[in-house]
Amino acid sequence: SVYSAICLCDKLDIWGDEKLFDPYLVGILIGDGSYGKNKTPRLSNCDDYINNYIDSNYNTKIESSYETKDRKIYRETRILGLTDKLKEVGIYGQTKIDKRLPTNYQNLSKQNASDLLSGLFDTDGYVSSTRPEVSITQSSLELLKQIQFLLRKFGVWGRIQKIKPRIAPNRKDKKEYYTLSIRDHQSIYNFWINIKLRLEYKQN
């Protein structure tokens, strides 16, 4: 008799040995940063851990700040001396829908890939407190596909959906965007053990 089977790969646990100068910082910049051409890289964020991280490790200058409704301090912070490093990893000059992961993302070490994703999900990620779901939203479909590729190497499978925004008279951004959602229990478990989020409320 002839026996046929379909083999499903749970994860692609094959890694390179390339590294980024600071994968966590690169992740948070792709998420909440601005680094267009001829501009000093800037981070806009209201999480104390992230702002303390850049203050402790880099030469920073606060452009503006204010207190949010939930009593956090939102800051726009310039990070000085970073332009050449962002050029080296291939992301400097990218804006909004043109944002991509570093050019060597497919060949990163496992730890560097984990730290890069940690920065991305600490900024643009969402962790539900009511149901099993972790997601990340971007205006760039290609960037989400790159993130999806890295997640699969950890055994984390997610689905990308196009979202059409609700049209309202006072809404400034009326362009469609994309969300990568992780909902199956095994993928969420694999995410938890491999990608260490650093923001306490997301860890919880």
C-alpha atoms as a PDB file:
ATOM      1  CA  SER A   1       0.000   0.000   0.000  1.00  0.00           C
ATOM      2  CA  VAL A   2       1.022   3.610  -0.518  1.00  0.00           C
ATOM      3  CA  TYR A   3       1.134   5.902   2.518  1.00  0.00           C
ATOM      4  CA  SER A   4       0.933   9.665   2.105  1.00  0.00           C
ATOM      5  CA  ALA A   5       1.391  12.232   4.834  1.00  0.00           C
ATOM      6  CA  ILE A   6       1.565  15.958   5.207  1.00  0.00           C
ATOM      7  CA  CYS A   7       4.310  17.275   7.447  1.00  0.00           C
ATOM      8  CA  LEU A   8       3.712  20.544   9.299  1.00  0.00           C
ATOM      9  CA  CYS A   9       6.682  22.474  10.633  1.00  0.00           C
ATOM     10  CA  ASP A  10       6.028  23.988  14.067  1.00  0.00           C
ATOM     11  CA  LYS A  11       9.026  26.301  13.957  1.00  0.00           C
ATOM     12  CA  LEU A  12      12.112  27.123  11.893  1.00  0.00           C
ATOM     13  CA  ASP A  13      14.753  26.978  14.611  1.00  0.00           C
ATOM     14  CA  ILE A  14      17.665  27.946  12.346  1.00  0.00           C
ATOM     15  CA  TRP A  15      19.672  31.037  13.218  1.00  0.00           C
ATOM     16  CA  GLY A  16      22.585  33.052  11.917  1.00  0.00           C
ATOM     17  CA  ASP A  17      25.400  34.700  13.819  1.00  0.00           C
ATOM     18  CA  GLU A  18      24.933  38.334  12.797  1.00  0.00           C
ATOM     19  CA  LYS A  19      24.274  40.980  15.435  1.00  0.00           C
ATOM     20  CA  LEU A  20      22.866  44.490  15.748  1.00  0.00           C
ATOM     21  CA  PHE A  21      24.566  47.201  17.827  1.00  0.00           C
ATOM     22  CA  ASP A  22      21.486  47.318  20.130  1.00  0.00           C
ATOM     23  CA  PRO A  23      18.600  45.136  18.888  1.00  0.00           C
ATOM     24  CA  TYR A  24      16.166  46.308  21.576  1.00  0.00           C
ATOM     25  CA  LEU A  25      16.739  49.965  20.688  1.00  0.00           C
ATOM     26  CA  VAL A  26      16.356  49.208  16.972  1.00  0.00           C
ATOM     27  CA  GLY A  27      13.037  47.528  17.753  1.00  0.00           C
ATOM     28  CA  ILE A  28      11.639  50.432  19.763  1.00  0.00           C
ATOM     29  CA  LEU A  29      12.789  52.923  17.117  1.00  0.00           C
ATOM     30  CA  ILE A  30      11.054  50.997  14.338  1.00  0.00           C
ATOM     31  CA  GLY A  31       7.980  50.963  16.533  1.00  0.00           C
ATOM     32  CA  ASP A  32       7.849  54.497  17.957  1.00  0.00           C
ATOM     33  CA  GLY A  33      10.773  56.247  16.329  1.00  0.00           C
ATOM     34  CA  SER A  34      11.338  58.705  13.522  1.00  0.00           C
ATOM     35  CA  TYR A  35      14.585  58.592  11.549  1.00  0.00           C
ATOM     36  CA  GLY A  36      13.926  60.169   8.182  1.00  0.00           C
ATOM     37  CA  LYS A  37      16.688  61.511   5.954  1.00  0.00           C
ATOM     38  CA  ASN A  38      18.677  64.454   7.281  1.00  0.00           C
ATOM     39  CA  LYS A  39      16.982  64.202  10.669  1.00  0.00           C
ATOM     40  CA  THR A  40      18.275  63.275  14.103  1.00  0.00           C
ATOM     41  CA  PRO A  41      16.627  60.006  15.200  1.00  0.00           C
ATOM     42  CA  ARG A  42      13.733  60.737  17.541  1.00  0.00           C
ATOM     43  CA  LEU A  43      11.664  58.558  19.865  1.00  0.00           C
ATOM     44  CA  SER A  44       8.122  59.419  20.946  1.00  0.00           C
ATOM     45  CA  ASN A  45       7.043  57.380  23.955  1.00  0.00           C
ATOM     46  CA  CYS A  46       5.390  57.589  27.385  1.00  0.00           C
ATOM     47  CA  ASP A  47       6.726  54.428  29.075  1.00  0.00           C
ATOM     48  CA  ASP A  48       9.211  55.126  31.870  1.00  0.00           C
ATOM     49  CA  TYR A  49      11.234  51.967  31.207  1.00  0.00           C
ATOM     50  CA  ILE A  50      11.833  52.837  27.558  1.00  0.00           C
ATOM     51  CA  ASN A  51      12.662  56.493  28.197  1.00  0.00           C
ATOM     52  CA  ASN A  52      14.987  55.544  31.068  1.00  0.00           C
ATOM     53  CA  TYR A  53      16.631  52.966  28.792  1.00  0.00           C
ATOM     54  CA  ILE A  54      17.586  55.494  26.138  1.00  0.00           C
ATOM     55  CA  ASP A  55      18.623  58.084  28.737  1.00  0.00           C
ATOM     56  CA  SER A  56      20.908  55.547  30.439  1.00  0.00           C
ATOM     57  CA  ASN A  57      22.564  54.273  27.274  1.00  0.00           C
ATOM     58  CA  TYR A  58      22.626  57.194  24.843  1.00  0.00           C
ATOM     59  CA  ASN A  59      23.103  60.938  24.584  1.00  0.00           C
ATOM     60  CA  THR A  60      19.554  62.270  24.549  1.00  0.00           C
ATOM     61  CA  LYS A  61      17.828  65.626  24.352  1.00  0.00           C
ATOM     62  CA  ILE A  62      14.143  66.064  25.228  1.00  0.00           C
ATOM     63  CA  GLU A  63      12.348  68.119  22.573  1.00  0.00           C
ATOM     64  CA  SER A  64       8.966  68.247  24.309  1.00  0.00           C
ATOM     65  CA  SER A  65       6.972  66.486  27.016  1.00  0.00           C
ATOM     66  CA  TYR A  66       3.555  66.519  28.660  1.00  0.00           C
ATOM     67  CA  GLU A  67       1.466  64.493  31.088  1.00  0.00           C
ATOM     68  CA  THR A  68      -1.078  62.125  29.539  1.00  0.00           C
ATOM     69  CA  LYS A  69      -4.605  61.448  30.830  1.00  0.00           C
ATOM     70  CA  ASP A  70      -3.359  58.351  32.678  1.00  0.00           C
ATOM     71  CA  ARG A  71      -0.616  60.461  34.296  1.00  0.00           C
ATOM     72  CA  LYS A  72       2.301  59.179  32.249  1.00  0.00           C
ATOM     73  CA  ILE A  73       4.951  61.511  30.870  1.00  0.00           C
ATOM     74  CA  TYR A  74       4.909  61.497  27.079  1.00  0.00           C
ATOM     75  CA  ARG A  75       8.251  62.541  25.622  1.00  0.00           C
ATOM     76  CA  GLU A  76       9.673  63.352  22.231  1.00  0.00           C
ATOM     77  CA  THR A  77      13.384  62.681  22.613  1.00  0.00           C
ATOM     78  CA  ARG A  78      16.221  63.144  20.157  1.00  0.00           C
ATOM     79  CA  ILE A  79      18.933  60.469  20.340  1.00  0.00           C
ATOM     80  CA  LEU A  80      22.245  62.025  19.346  1.00  0.00           C
ATOM     81  CA  GLY A  81      25.107  60.250  17.605  1.00  0.00           C
ATOM     82  CA  LEU A  82      22.928  57.445  16.272  1.00  0.00           C
ATOM     83  CA  THR A  83      22.618  58.260  12.567  1.00  0.00           C
ATOM     84  CA  ASP A  84      25.674  56.294  11.394  1.00  0.00           C
ATOM     85  CA  LYS A  85      24.600  53.197  13.338  1.00  0.00           C
ATOM     86  CA  LEU A  86      21.143  53.254  11.761  1.00  0.00           C
ATOM     87  CA  LYS A  87      22.762  53.611   8.335  1.00  0.00           C
ATOM     88  CA  GLU A  88      24.903  50.551   9.053  1.00  0.00           C
ATOM     89  CA  VAL A  89      21.854  48.381   9.789  1.00  0.00           C
ATOM     90  CA  GLY A  90      20.039  49.743   6.737  1.00  0.00           C
ATOM     91  CA  ILE A  91      17.025  51.558   8.210  1.00  0.00           C
ATOM     92  CA  TYR A  92      18.047  55.222   8.306  1.00  0.00           C
ATOM     93  CA  GLY A  93      15.881  57.440   6.092  1.00  0.00           C
ATOM     94  CA  GLN A  94      12.819  55.178   6.240  1.00  0.00           C
ATOM     95  CA  THR A  95       9.448  56.684   7.144  1.00  0.00           C
ATOM     96  CA  LYS A  96       6.001  55.233   7.933  1.00  0.00           C
ATOM     97  CA  ILE A  97       4.982  52.692   5.239  1.00  0.00           C
ATOM     98  CA  ASP A  98       8.602  52.461   4.061  1.00  0.00           C
ATOM     99  CA  LYS A  99       9.835  51.128   7.411  1.00  0.00           C
ATOM    100  CA  ARG A 100      11.528  47.722   7.318  1.00  0.00           C
ATOM    101  CA  LEU A 101      13.562  45.517   9.627  1.00  0.00           C
ATOM    102  CA  PRO A 102      17.376  45.751   9.421  1.00  0.00           C
ATOM    103  CA  THR A 103      18.801  44.318   6.207  1.00  0.00           C
ATOM    104  CA  ASN A 104      20.356  41.346   8.037  1.00  0.00           C
ATOM    105  CA  TYR A 105      17.202  40.355   9.956  1.00  0.00           C
ATOM    106  CA  GLN A 106      17.090  36.875   8.402  1.00  0.00           C
ATOM    107  CA  ASN A 107      20.625  36.111   9.608  1.00  0.00           C
ATOM    108  CA  LEU A 108      20.434  37.452  13.155  1.00  0.00           C
ATOM    109  CA  SER A 109      21.377  35.343  16.149  1.00  0.00           C
ATOM    110  CA  LYS A 110      18.464  33.967  18.154  1.00  0.00           C
ATOM    111  CA  GLN A 111      19.067  36.381  21.047  1.00  0.00           C
ATOM    112  CA  ASN A 112      19.321  39.404  18.752  1.00  0.00           C
ATOM    113  CA  ALA A 113      16.111  38.428  16.961  1.00  0.00           C
ATOM    114  CA  SER A 114      14.371  38.022  20.324  1.00  0.00           C
ATOM    115  CA  ASP A 115      15.538  41.439  21.565  1.00  0.00           C
ATOM    116  CA  LEU A 116      14.534  43.111  18.278  1.00  0.00           C
ATOM    117  CA  LEU A 117      11.008  41.666  18.540  1.00  0.00           C
ATOM    118  CA  SER A 118      10.867  42.620  22.204  1.00  0.00           C
ATOM    119  CA  GLY A 119      11.439  46.271  21.313  1.00  0.00           C
ATOM    120  CA  LEU A 120       8.826  46.136  18.561  1.00  0.00           C
ATOM    121  CA  PHE A 121       6.146  44.577  20.766  1.00  0.00           C
ATOM    122  CA  ASP A 122       6.999  46.819  23.749  1.00  0.00           C
ATOM    123  CA  THR A 123       6.140  49.806  21.539  1.00  0.00           C
ATOM    124  CA  ASP A 124       3.621  48.755  18.872  1.00  0.00           C
ATOM    125  CA  GLY A 125       2.421  45.466  20.374  1.00  0.00           C
ATOM    126  CA  TYR A 126      -0.804  44.700  22.228  1.00  0.00           C
ATOM    127  CA  VAL A 127      -1.338  41.981  24.822  1.00  0.00           C
ATOM    128  CA  SER A 128      -4.969  41.258  25.681  1.00  0.00           C
ATOM    129  CA  SER A 129      -5.878  40.856  29.350  1.00  0.00           C
ATOM    130  CA  THR A 130      -9.227  39.203  28.597  1.00  0.00           C
ATOM    131  CA  ARG A 131      -8.448  36.607  25.914  1.00  0.00           C
ATOM    132  CA  PRO A 132      -5.441  34.742  24.486  1.00  0.00           C
ATOM    133  CA  GLU A 133      -4.146  37.261  21.974  1.00  0.00           C
ATOM    134  CA  VAL A 134      -0.932  39.107  21.201  1.00  0.00           C
ATOM    135  CA  SER A 135      -0.897  41.455  18.221  1.00  0.00           C
ATOM    136  CA  ILE A 136       1.079  44.176  16.516  1.00  0.00           C
ATOM    137  CA  THR A 137      -0.191  46.867  14.147  1.00  0.00           C
ATOM    138  CA  GLN A 138       1.713  48.645  11.388  1.00  0.00           C
ATOM    139  CA  SER A 139       0.960  50.790   8.358  1.00  0.00           C
ATOM    140  CA  SER A 140       3.561  48.810   6.391  1.00  0.00           C
ATOM    141  CA  LEU A 141       2.434  45.376   5.178  1.00  0.00           C
ATOM    142  CA  GLU A 142       5.983  44.458   4.165  1.00  0.00           C
ATOM    143  CA  LEU A 143       7.292  45.212   7.653  1.00  0.00           C
ATOM    144  CA  LEU A 144       4.629  42.961   9.182  1.00  0.00           C
ATOM    145  CA  LYS A 145       5.592  40.154   6.798  1.00  0.00           C
ATOM    146  CA  GLN A 146       9.198  40.471   7.987  1.00  0.00           C
ATOM    147  CA  ILE A 147       8.061  40.357  11.616  1.00  0.00           C
ATOM    148  CA  GLN A 148       5.904  37.330  10.788  1.00  0.00           C
ATOM    149  CA  PHE A 149       8.961  35.588   9.313  1.00  0.00           C
ATOM    150  CA  LEU A 150      11.013  36.102  12.484  1.00  0.00           C
ATOM    151  CA  LEU A 151       8.154  34.972  14.721  1.00  0.00           C
ATOM    152  CA  ARG A 152       7.810  31.719  12.789  1.00  0.00           C
ATOM    153  CA  LYS A 153      11.404  30.865  13.598  1.00  0.00           C
ATOM    154  CA  PHE A 154      10.350  30.873  17.262  1.00  0.00           C
ATOM    155  CA  GLY A 155       7.291  28.723  16.560  1.00  0.00           C
ATOM    156  CA  VAL A 156       4.943  31.704  16.763  1.00  0.00           C
ATOM    157  CA  TRP A 157       2.293  31.744  14.046  1.00  0.00           C
ATOM    158  CA  GLY A 158       0.094  34.731  13.359  1.00  0.00           C
ATOM    159  CA  ARG A 159      -2.351  35.968  10.766  1.00  0.00           C
ATOM    160  CA  ILE A 160      -2.137  39.345   9.021  1.00  0.00           C
ATOM    161  CA  GLN A 161      -5.357  41.234   8.391  1.00  0.00           C
ATOM    162  CA  LYS A 162      -6.030  44.486   6.555  1.00  0.00           C
ATOM    163  CA  ILE A 163      -7.981  46.989   8.658  1.00  0.00           C
ATOM    164  CA  LYS A 164     -10.034  49.755   7.101  1.00  0.00           C
ATOM    165  CA  PRO A 165     -10.361  52.624   9.590  1.00  0.00           C
ATOM    166  CA  ARG A 166     -13.732  53.965  10.593  1.00  0.00           C
ATOM    167  CA  ILE A 167     -14.273  57.151   8.654  1.00  0.00           C
ATOM    168  CA  ALA A 168     -15.065  60.034  10.958  1.00  0.00           C
ATOM    169  CA  PRO A 169     -15.095  63.780  10.209  1.00  0.00           C
ATOM    170  CA  ASN A 170     -12.324  64.559  12.717  1.00  0.00           C
ATOM    171  CA  ARG A 171     -10.112  61.539  11.948  1.00  0.00           C
ATOM    172  CA  LYS A 172      -6.765  62.635  10.519  1.00  0.00           C
ATOM    173  CA  ASP A 173      -5.437  59.267   9.344  1.00  0.00           C
ATOM    174  CA  LYS A 174      -7.920  57.582   7.010  1.00  0.00           C
ATOM    175  CA  LYS A 175      -5.495  55.122   5.412  1.00  0.00           C
ATOM    176  CA  GLU A 176      -5.803  51.371   5.843  1.00  0.00           C
ATOM    177  CA  TYR A 177      -3.390  49.560   8.130  1.00  0.00           C
ATOM    178  CA  TYR A 178      -2.474  45.988   9.027  1.00  0.00           C
ATOM    179  CA  THR A 179      -2.543  43.878  12.163  1.00  0.00           C
ATOM    180  CA  LEU A 180      -0.674  40.634  12.841  1.00  0.00           C
ATOM    181  CA  SER A 181      -2.631  38.641  15.449  1.00  0.00           C
ATOM    182  CA  ILE A 182      -1.348  35.642  17.441  1.00  0.00           C
ATOM    183  CA  ARG A 183      -4.203  33.695  19.000  1.00  0.00           C
ATOM    184  CA  ASP A 184      -3.475  29.980  19.280  1.00  0.00           C
ATOM    185  CA  HIS A 185      -2.306  28.860  22.711  1.00  0.00           C
ATOM    186  CA  GLN A 186       0.876  27.112  21.538  1.00  0.00           C
ATOM    187  CA  SER A 187       2.078  30.186  19.643  1.00  0.00           C
ATOM    188  CA  ILE A 188       1.349  32.452  22.606  1.00  0.00           C
ATOM    189  CA  TYR A 189       3.258  30.085  24.878  1.00  0.00           C
ATOM    190  CA  ASN A 190       6.208  30.037  22.444  1.00  0.00           C
ATOM    191  CA  PHE A 191       6.113  33.832  22.344  1.00  0.00           C
ATOM    192  CA  TRP A 192       6.143  34.026  26.147  1.00  0.00           C
ATOM    193  CA  ILE A 193       9.155  31.751  26.621  1.00  0.00           C
ATOM    194  CA  ASN A 194      11.219  33.217  23.760  1.00  0.00           C
ATOM    195  CA  ILE A 195      10.421  36.934  23.553  1.00  0.00           C
ATOM    196  CA  LYS A 196      10.823  38.739  26.860  1.00  0.00           C
ATOM    197  CA  LEU A 197       8.757  41.910  26.939  1.00  0.00           C
ATOM    198  CA  ARG A 198      10.296  44.460  29.290  1.00  0.00           C
ATOM    199  CA  LEU A 199       7.244  46.579  30.098  1.00  0.00           C
ATOM    200  CA  GLU A 200       5.726  45.271  33.321  1.00  0.00           C
ATOM    201  CA  TYR A 201       2.088  45.788  32.372  1.00  0.00           C
ATOM    202  CA  LYS A 202       2.596  43.812  29.163  1.00  0.00           C
ATOM    203  CA  GLN A 203       4.465  41.069  31.015  1.00  0.00           C
ATOM    204  CA  ASN A 204       1.569  40.785  33.427  1.00  0.00           C
END
